[in-house]
Amino acid sequence: MKIYPAIDIKDGRCVRLAQGRFNDVTVYSDNPVEVALKWEQLGAEYIHVVDLDGARAGEPKNIPVISEMAVNLGIPLQLGGGIRTIEMIEIILCKGVERVILGTSAVKDPKLVKKALKTFENSIVIGIDARNGMVAIEGWAKTSEFTAIGFAKKMEELGAKTIIYTDISRDGMLSGPNLKAMEEMVKAVAIDVIASGGVSKLEDIKNLKDVGVAGVIVGKALYTGDVDLKQAIDIAK
């Protein structure tokens, strides 16, 4: 199991939102590249980056800082937030980003997903953000008609190899992950599930490992010091 330290970027800065609310922002650093390098030095094998402005605008807005991150890191990063065309996927992968996360576009444009998975294969990850078991889109502002599990199965059929499953109610709240929902997802599909949302202590990492997820995204708890990255990586291994 891999630990993915999360770096959320808004206006070029490293921030965290509570439950995706743009009016509930905490700024942790003015230099996301420095933050990424710090996580790498502590043993991170992969960095999870979200372009929050991009998620809202429907197109990436922080590409300069993200490409700087990709160039300076010796480990891969995956990026989500407003990536909704094949051309944009190509641009981002050419900047040195290893994997692109499709969220809203996966829900609204299945043809795009099908083409992206065929063209870029393992470089495409599907982001499934759920509120009360239903898939949310457009920076979590709207809810779709898909259940998280139904949608995950659909993405698996299209050839997706990895999904990131976020429980919005837990995100940025340090309230613990939704283990039941994560376990249901792991059992429902035969592809890798990366858990996201709510990790607040090392015990959460252990519990998620027991559930069988392939990876865990840790955000706020790293910045508050509630989770020590080195210890989390030891548990994951």
C-alpha atoms as a PDB file:
ATOM      1  CA  MET A   1       0.000   0.000   0.000  1.00  0.00           C
ATOM      2  CA  LYS A   2       1.264   3.478  -0.898  1.00  0.00           C
ATOM      3  CA  ILE A   3       0.864   6.715   1.032  1.00  0.00           C
ATOM      4  CA  TYR A   4       0.113   9.751  -1.142  1.00  0.00           C
ATOM      5  CA  PRO A   5       0.772  13.098   0.580  1.00  0.00           C
ATOM      6  CA  ALA A   6      -1.751  15.593  -0.793  1.00  0.00           C
ATOM      7  CA  ILE A   7      -0.934  19.071  -2.029  1.00  0.00           C
ATOM      8  CA  ASP A   8      -3.990  21.181  -2.845  1.00  0.00           C
ATOM      9  CA  ILE A   9      -3.158  24.311  -4.827  1.00  0.00           C
ATOM     10  CA  LYS A  10      -5.208  27.494  -4.840  1.00  0.00           C
ATOM     11  CA  ASP A  11      -3.844  30.780  -6.235  1.00  0.00           C
ATOM     12  CA  GLY A  12      -0.402  29.134  -6.447  1.00  0.00           C
ATOM     13  CA  ARG A  13      -0.345  28.309  -2.734  1.00  0.00           C
ATOM     14  CA  CYS A  14      -0.590  25.060  -0.760  1.00  0.00           C
ATOM     15  CA  VAL A  15      -3.947  25.042   1.059  1.00  0.00           C
ATOM     16  CA  ARG A  16      -6.564  22.757   2.570  1.00  0.00           C
ATOM     17  CA  LEU A  17     -10.332  23.140   2.312  1.00  0.00           C
ATOM     18  CA  ALA A  18     -12.858  21.696   4.757  1.00  0.00           C
ATOM     19  CA  GLN A  19     -15.300  19.411   2.884  1.00  0.00           C
ATOM     20  CA  GLY A  20     -14.366  21.143  -0.367  1.00  0.00           C
ATOM     21  CA  ARG A  21     -15.735  24.520   0.741  1.00  0.00           C
ATOM     22  CA  PHE A  22     -13.872  27.311  -1.030  1.00  0.00           C
ATOM     23  CA  ASN A  23     -14.793  29.750   1.746  1.00  0.00           C
ATOM     24  CA  ASP A  24     -13.161  27.492   4.366  1.00  0.00           C
ATOM     25  CA  VAL A  25      -9.484  27.712   3.349  1.00  0.00           C
ATOM     26  CA  THR A  26      -6.329  27.241   5.407  1.00  0.00           C
ATOM     27  CA  VAL A  27      -3.063  28.279   3.743  1.00  0.00           C
ATOM     28  CA  TYR A  28      -0.142  26.042   4.740  1.00  0.00           C
ATOM     29  CA  SER A  29       2.564  27.323   2.412  1.00  0.00           C
ATOM     30  CA  ASP A  30       3.188  29.889  -0.300  1.00  0.00           C
ATOM     31  CA  ASN A  31       5.548  27.417  -1.987  1.00  0.00           C
ATOM     32  CA  PRO A  32       3.990  24.064  -2.994  1.00  0.00           C
ATOM     33  CA  VAL A  33       7.278  22.938  -4.589  1.00  0.00           C
ATOM     34  CA  GLU A  34       9.051  23.182  -1.218  1.00  0.00           C
ATOM     35  CA  VAL A  35       6.232  21.217   0.408  1.00  0.00           C
ATOM     36  CA  ALA A  36       6.482  18.465  -2.231  1.00  0.00           C
ATOM     37  CA  LEU A  37      10.261  18.237  -1.753  1.00  0.00           C
ATOM     38  CA  LYS A  38       9.766  17.966   2.005  1.00  0.00           C
ATOM     39  CA  TRP A  39       7.379  15.015   1.592  1.00  0.00           C
ATOM     40  CA  GLU A  40       9.824  13.385  -0.830  1.00  0.00           C
ATOM     41  CA  GLN A  41      12.690  13.757   1.666  1.00  0.00           C
ATOM     42  CA  LEU A  42      10.539  12.068   4.326  1.00  0.00           C
ATOM     43  CA  GLY A  43      10.116   9.021   2.095  1.00  0.00           C
ATOM     44  CA  ALA A  44       7.024   9.696  -0.019  1.00  0.00           C
ATOM     45  CA  GLU A  45       6.968   7.612  -3.204  1.00  0.00           C
ATOM     46  CA  TYR A  46       4.192   9.555  -4.934  1.00  0.00           C
ATOM     47  CA  ILE A  47       2.576  12.989  -4.553  1.00  0.00           C
ATOM     48  CA  HIS A  48      -1.133  13.683  -5.045  1.00  0.00           C
ATOM     49  CA  VAL A  49      -1.834  17.194  -6.374  1.00  0.00           C
ATOM     50  CA  VAL A  50      -5.180  18.930  -6.829  1.00  0.00           C
ATOM     51  CA  ASP A  51      -5.578  22.160  -8.769  1.00  0.00           C
ATOM     52  CA  LEU A  52      -8.510  23.606  -6.829  1.00  0.00           C
ATOM     53  CA  ASP A  53      -8.843  26.650  -9.090  1.00  0.00           C
ATOM     54  CA  GLY A  54      -8.871  24.253 -12.040  1.00  0.00           C
ATOM     55  CA  ALA A  55     -11.605  22.095 -10.525  1.00  0.00           C
ATOM     56  CA  ARG A  56     -13.772  25.180 -10.225  1.00  0.00           C
ATOM     57  CA  ALA A  57     -12.924  26.730 -13.590  1.00  0.00           C
ATOM     58  CA  GLY A  58     -13.078  23.531 -15.636  1.00  0.00           C
ATOM     59  CA  GLU A  59      -9.479  23.886 -16.832  1.00  0.00           C
ATOM     60  CA  PRO A  60      -6.153  23.758 -14.966  1.00  0.00           C
ATOM     61  CA  LYS A  61      -5.077  27.131 -13.572  1.00  0.00           C
ATOM     62  CA  ASN A  62      -1.828  26.353 -11.751  1.00  0.00           C
ATOM     63  CA  ILE A  63       0.198  24.612 -14.466  1.00  0.00           C
ATOM     64  CA  PRO A  64       3.416  26.671 -13.958  1.00  0.00           C
ATOM     65  CA  VAL A  65       3.811  25.668 -10.301  1.00  0.00           C
ATOM     66  CA  ILE A  66       2.733  22.084 -11.033  1.00  0.00           C
ATOM     67  CA  SER A  67       5.276  21.678 -13.852  1.00  0.00           C
ATOM     68  CA  GLU A  68       7.952  23.181 -11.573  1.00  0.00           C
ATOM     69  CA  MET A  69       7.025  20.526  -9.032  1.00  0.00           C
ATOM     70  CA  ALA A  70       7.258  17.722 -11.601  1.00  0.00           C
ATOM     71  CA  VAL A  71      10.684  18.932 -12.785  1.00  0.00           C
ATOM     72  CA  ASN A  72      12.143  19.231  -9.270  1.00  0.00           C
ATOM     73  CA  LEU A  73      10.841  15.992  -7.794  1.00  0.00           C
ATOM     74  CA  GLY A  74      12.538  12.638  -8.113  1.00  0.00           C
ATOM     75  CA  ILE A  75       9.215  10.877  -7.515  1.00  0.00           C
ATOM     76  CA  PRO A  76       6.055  10.850  -9.653  1.00  0.00           C
ATOM     77  CA  LEU A  77       2.986  12.989  -9.101  1.00  0.00           C
ATOM     78  CA  GLN A  78      -0.638  12.660 -10.095  1.00  0.00           C
ATOM     79  CA  LEU A  79      -2.808  15.668 -10.822  1.00  0.00           C
ATOM     80  CA  GLY A  80      -6.520  16.328 -10.742  1.00  0.00           C
ATOM     81  CA  GLY A  81      -8.648  19.439 -11.132  1.00  0.00           C
ATOM     82  CA  GLY A  82     -10.400  20.668 -14.258  1.00  0.00           C
ATOM     83  CA  ILE A  83      -8.795  18.284 -16.749  1.00  0.00           C
ATOM     84  CA  ARG A  84     -11.538  17.758 -19.295  1.00  0.00           C
ATOM     85  CA  THR A  85      -9.999  17.313 -22.757  1.00  0.00           C
ATOM     86  CA  ILE A  86      -7.561  14.943 -24.470  1.00  0.00           C
ATOM     87  CA  GLU A  87      -5.418  17.953 -25.423  1.00  0.00           C
ATOM     88  CA  MET A  88      -5.135  19.051 -21.781  1.00  0.00           C
ATOM     89  CA  ILE A  89      -4.199  15.521 -20.706  1.00  0.00           C
ATOM     90  CA  GLU A  90      -1.389  15.570 -23.294  1.00  0.00           C
ATOM     91  CA  ILE A  91      -0.149  18.984 -22.132  1.00  0.00           C
ATOM     92  CA  ILE A  92      -0.037  17.879 -18.491  1.00  0.00           C
ATOM     93  CA  LEU A  93       1.686  14.562 -19.191  1.00  0.00           C
ATOM     94  CA  CYS A  94       4.255  16.434 -21.309  1.00  0.00           C
ATOM     95  CA  LYS A  95       4.979  18.656 -18.277  1.00  0.00           C
ATOM     96  CA  GLY A  96       6.267  15.591 -16.442  1.00  0.00           C
ATOM     97  CA  VAL A  97       3.132  14.653 -14.489  1.00  0.00           C
ATOM     98  CA  GLU A  98       2.899  10.852 -14.261  1.00  0.00           C
ATOM     99  CA  ARG A  99      -0.857  10.376 -13.892  1.00  0.00           C
ATOM    100  CA  VAL A 100      -3.879  12.513 -14.665  1.00  0.00           C
ATOM    101  CA  ILE A 101      -7.053  12.240 -12.592  1.00  0.00           C
ATOM    102  CA  LEU A 102     -10.371  12.537 -14.416  1.00  0.00           C
ATOM    103  CA  GLY A 103     -13.328  13.327 -12.175  1.00  0.00           C
ATOM    104  CA  THR A 104     -16.098  15.552 -13.525  1.00  0.00           C
ATOM    105  CA  SER A 105     -15.122  14.762 -17.122  1.00  0.00           C
ATOM    106  CA  ALA A 106     -15.422  11.030 -16.385  1.00  0.00           C
ATOM    107  CA  VAL A 107     -19.044  11.553 -15.337  1.00  0.00           C
ATOM    108  CA  LYS A 108     -20.031  14.009 -18.048  1.00  0.00           C
ATOM    109  CA  ASP A 109     -18.065  12.662 -20.988  1.00  0.00           C
ATOM    110  CA  PRO A 110     -17.706   8.839 -21.073  1.00  0.00           C
ATOM    111  CA  LYS A 111     -16.354   9.060 -24.651  1.00  0.00           C
ATOM    112  CA  LEU A 112     -13.441  11.154 -23.371  1.00  0.00           C
ATOM    113  CA  VAL A 113     -12.671   8.578 -20.683  1.00  0.00           C
ATOM    114  CA  LYS A 114     -12.813   5.739 -23.171  1.00  0.00           C
ATOM    115  CA  LYS A 115     -10.419   7.556 -25.529  1.00  0.00           C
ATOM    116  CA  ALA A 116      -8.124   8.673 -22.685  1.00  0.00           C
ATOM    117  CA  LEU A 117      -7.859   5.156 -21.266  1.00  0.00           C
ATOM    118  CA  LYS A 118      -7.144   3.731 -24.707  1.00  0.00           C
ATOM    119  CA  THR A 119      -4.548   6.408 -25.534  1.00  0.00           C
ATOM    120  CA  PHE A 120      -2.806   6.918 -22.192  1.00  0.00           C
ATOM    121  CA  GLU A 121      -3.674   3.662 -20.373  1.00  0.00           C
ATOM    122  CA  ASN A 122      -2.095   3.608 -16.885  1.00  0.00           C
ATOM    123  CA  SER A 123      -1.541   7.386 -16.930  1.00  0.00           C
ATOM    124  CA  ILE A 124      -5.276   7.860 -16.336  1.00  0.00           C
ATOM    125  CA  VAL A 125      -6.823   7.600 -12.872  1.00  0.00           C
ATOM    126  CA  ILE A 126     -10.539   8.029 -12.234  1.00  0.00           C
ATOM    127  CA  GLY A 127     -11.480  10.264  -9.317  1.00  0.00           C
ATOM    128  CA  ILE A 128     -14.762   9.286  -7.685  1.00  0.00           C
ATOM    129  CA  ASP A 129     -15.880  11.832  -5.102  1.00  0.00           C
ATOM    130  CA  ALA A 130     -18.974  10.740  -3.222  1.00  0.00           C
ATOM    131  CA  ARG A 131     -21.475  12.498  -1.026  1.00  0.00           C
ATOM    132  CA  ASN A 132     -23.917  10.094   0.683  1.00  0.00           C
ATOM    133  CA  GLY A 133     -22.880   7.391  -1.788  1.00  0.00           C
ATOM    134  CA  MET A 134     -23.612   9.548  -4.866  1.00  0.00           C
ATOM    135  CA  VAL A 135     -20.925  10.893  -7.216  1.00  0.00           C
ATOM    136  CA  ALA A 136     -20.311  14.654  -6.916  1.00  0.00           C
ATOM    137  CA  ILE A 137     -18.901  16.769  -9.753  1.00  0.00           C
ATOM    138  CA  GLU A 138     -17.625  20.256 -10.646  1.00  0.00           C
ATOM    139  CA  GLY A 139     -15.454  20.841  -7.611  1.00  0.00           C
ATOM    140  CA  TRP A 140     -18.067  19.007  -5.506  1.00  0.00           C
ATOM    141  CA  ALA A 141     -20.626  21.732  -6.220  1.00  0.00           C
ATOM    142  CA  LYS A 142     -23.141  19.355  -7.881  1.00  0.00           C
ATOM    143  CA  THR A 143     -24.316  15.783  -7.390  1.00  0.00           C
ATOM    144  CA  SER A 144     -24.704  13.412 -10.340  1.00  0.00           C
ATOM    145  CA  GLU A 145     -27.252  10.604 -10.685  1.00  0.00           C
ATOM    146  CA  PHE A 146     -24.585   7.879 -10.337  1.00  0.00           C
ATOM    147  CA  THR A 147     -23.891   5.831  -7.232  1.00  0.00           C
ATOM    148  CA  ALA A 148     -20.178   5.632  -6.439  1.00  0.00           C
ATOM    149  CA  ILE A 149     -20.041   1.846  -6.795  1.00  0.00           C
ATOM    150  CA  GLY A 150     -22.123   1.759  -9.982  1.00  0.00           C
ATOM    151  CA  PHE A 151     -19.886   4.390 -11.528  1.00  0.00           C
ATOM    152  CA  ALA A 152     -16.688   2.603 -10.433  1.00  0.00           C
ATOM    153  CA  LYS A 153     -17.881  -0.600 -12.145  1.00  0.00           C
ATOM    154  CA  LYS A 154     -18.626   1.372 -15.289  1.00  0.00           C
ATOM    155  CA  MET A 155     -15.099   2.847 -15.267  1.00  0.00           C
ATOM    156  CA  GLU A 156     -13.602  -0.600 -14.702  1.00  0.00           C
ATOM    157  CA  GLU A 157     -15.476  -1.871 -17.775  1.00  0.00           C
ATOM    158  CA  LEU A 158     -13.975   0.984 -19.805  1.00  0.00           C
ATOM    159  CA  GLY A 159     -10.481  -0.154 -18.819  1.00  0.00           C
ATOM    160  CA  ALA A 160      -9.610   1.984 -15.781  1.00  0.00           C
ATOM    161  CA  LYS A 161      -6.917   0.385 -13.604  1.00  0.00           C
ATOM    162  CA  THR A 162      -7.040   2.779 -10.644  1.00  0.00           C
ATOM    163  CA  ILE A 163      -9.697   4.864  -8.914  1.00  0.00           C
ATOM    164  CA  ILE A 164      -9.379   7.421  -6.151  1.00  0.00           C
ATOM    165  CA  TYR A 165     -12.394   7.229  -3.889  1.00  0.00           C
ATOM    166  CA  THR A 166     -13.088  10.289  -1.753  1.00  0.00           C
ATOM    167  CA  ASP A 167     -15.754  10.584   0.904  1.00  0.00           C
ATOM    168  CA  ILE A 168     -16.522  14.307   0.797  1.00  0.00           C
ATOM    169  CA  SER A 169     -18.150  14.370   4.235  1.00  0.00           C
ATOM    170  CA  ARG A 170     -14.836  13.287   5.775  1.00  0.00           C
ATOM    171  CA  ASP A 171     -12.475  15.392   3.647  1.00  0.00           C
ATOM    172  CA  GLY A 172     -10.390  17.891   5.608  1.00  0.00           C
ATOM    173  CA  MET A 173     -12.354  17.160   8.782  1.00  0.00           C
ATOM    174  CA  LEU A 174      -9.859  14.818  10.557  1.00  0.00           C
ATOM    175  CA  SER A 175     -12.862  12.679  11.518  1.00  0.00           C
ATOM    176  CA  GLY A 176     -11.514   9.327  10.330  1.00  0.00           C
ATOM    177  CA  PRO A 177     -12.127   7.631   6.966  1.00  0.00           C
ATOM    178  CA  ASN A 178     -15.400   5.978   5.989  1.00  0.00           C
ATOM    179  CA  LEU A 179     -14.109   2.416   6.333  1.00  0.00           C
ATOM    180  CA  LYS A 180     -17.444   0.811   5.470  1.00  0.00           C
ATOM    181  CA  ALA A 181     -17.713   2.720   2.179  1.00  0.00           C
ATOM    182  CA  MET A 182     -14.074   1.975   1.319  1.00  0.00           C
ATOM    183  CA  GLU A 183     -14.500  -1.734   2.032  1.00  0.00           C
ATOM    184  CA  GLU A 184     -17.649  -1.890  -0.103  1.00  0.00           C
ATOM    185  CA  MET A 185     -15.763  -0.263  -2.976  1.00  0.00           C
ATOM    186  CA  VAL A 186     -12.751  -2.594  -2.666  1.00  0.00           C
ATOM    187  CA  LYS A 187     -15.083  -5.611  -2.761  1.00  0.00           C
ATOM    188  CA  ALA A 188     -17.120  -4.228  -5.680  1.00  0.00           C
ATOM    189  CA  VAL A 189     -14.265  -3.787  -8.173  1.00  0.00           C
ATOM    190  CA  ALA A 190     -11.141  -5.737  -9.134  1.00  0.00           C
ATOM    191  CA  ILE A 191      -8.989  -2.640  -9.741  1.00  0.00           C
ATOM    192  CA  ASP A 192      -6.840  -0.535  -7.396  1.00  0.00           C
ATOM    193  CA  VAL A 193      -8.749   1.705  -4.988  1.00  0.00           C
ATOM    194  CA  ILE A 194      -6.925   4.659  -3.428  1.00  0.00           C
ATOM    195  CA  ALA A 195      -8.744   5.936  -0.350  1.00  0.00           C
ATOM    196  CA  SER A 196      -9.090   9.655   0.301  1.00  0.00           C
ATOM    197  CA  GLY A 197     -10.749  11.745   2.993  1.00  0.00           C
ATOM    198  CA  GLY A 198     -10.726  11.856   6.767  1.00  0.00           C
ATOM    199  CA  VAL A 199      -7.372  10.295   7.722  1.00  0.00           C
ATOM    200  CA  SER A 200      -6.574  11.783  11.120  1.00  0.00           C
ATOM    201  CA  LYS A 201      -4.241   9.325  12.855  1.00  0.00           C
ATOM    202  CA  LEU A 202      -1.893   6.421  12.182  1.00  0.00           C
ATOM    203  CA  GLU A 203      -4.587   3.944  13.228  1.00  0.00           C
ATOM    204  CA  ASP A 204      -6.651   5.091  10.224  1.00  0.00           C
ATOM    205  CA  ILE A 205      -3.794   4.030   7.932  1.00  0.00           C
ATOM    206  CA  LYS A 206      -3.708   0.588   9.545  1.00  0.00           C
ATOM    207  CA  ASN A 207      -7.488   0.217   9.286  1.00  0.00           C
ATOM    208  CA  LEU A 208      -7.484   1.193   5.608  1.00  0.00           C
ATOM    209  CA  LYS A 209      -4.692  -1.295   4.937  1.00  0.00           C
ATOM    210  CA  ASP A 210      -6.825  -4.005   6.559  1.00  0.00           C
ATOM    211  CA  VAL A 211      -9.743  -3.027   4.294  1.00  0.00           C
ATOM    212  CA  GLY A 212      -7.523  -3.742   1.283  1.00  0.00           C
ATOM    213  CA  VAL A 213      -7.054  -0.382  -0.444  1.00  0.00           C
ATOM    214  CA  ALA A 214      -4.013   0.026  -2.710  1.00  0.00           C
ATOM    215  CA  GLY A 215      -3.183   3.490  -1.439  1.00  0.00           C
ATOM    216  CA  VAL A 216      -4.153   6.229   0.996  1.00  0.00           C
ATOM    217  CA  ILE A 217      -4.143   9.960   0.346  1.00  0.00           C
ATOM    218  CA  VAL A 218      -3.230  11.941   3.458  1.00  0.00           C
ATOM    219  CA  GLY A 219      -3.737  15.681   3.488  1.00  0.00           C
ATOM    220  CA  LYS A 220      -4.663  17.843   6.448  1.00  0.00           C
ATOM    221  CA  ALA A 221      -3.336  15.393   9.063  1.00  0.00           C
ATOM    222  CA  LEU A 222       0.200  15.772   7.654  1.00  0.00           C
ATOM    223  CA  TYR A 223      -0.001  19.554   7.861  1.00  0.00           C
ATOM    224  CA  THR A 224      -1.393  19.601  11.404  1.00  0.00           C
ATOM    225  CA  GLY A 225       1.149  17.013  12.563  1.00  0.00           C
ATOM    226  CA  ASP A 226      -1.541  14.482  13.540  1.00  0.00           C
ATOM    227  CA  VAL A 227       0.088  11.958  11.197  1.00  0.00           C
ATOM    228  CA  ASP A 228       3.843  11.470  10.884  1.00  0.00           C
ATOM    229  CA  LEU A 229       4.607  10.656   7.240  1.00  0.00           C
ATOM    230  CA  LYS A 230       7.546   8.319   7.970  1.00  0.00           C
ATOM    231  CA  GLN A 231       5.461   6.285  10.426  1.00  0.00           C
ATOM    232  CA  ALA A 232       2.520   6.202   7.999  1.00  0.00           C
ATOM    233  CA  ILE A 233       4.803   4.852   5.252  1.00  0.00           C
ATOM    234  CA  ASP A 234       6.163   2.179   7.643  1.00  0.00           C
ATOM    235  CA  ILE A 235       2.610   1.023   8.426  1.00  0.00           C
ATOM    236  CA  ALA A 236       1.699   1.006   4.738  1.00  0.00           C
ATOM    237  CA  LYS A 237       4.665  -1.182   3.866  1.00  0.00           C
END
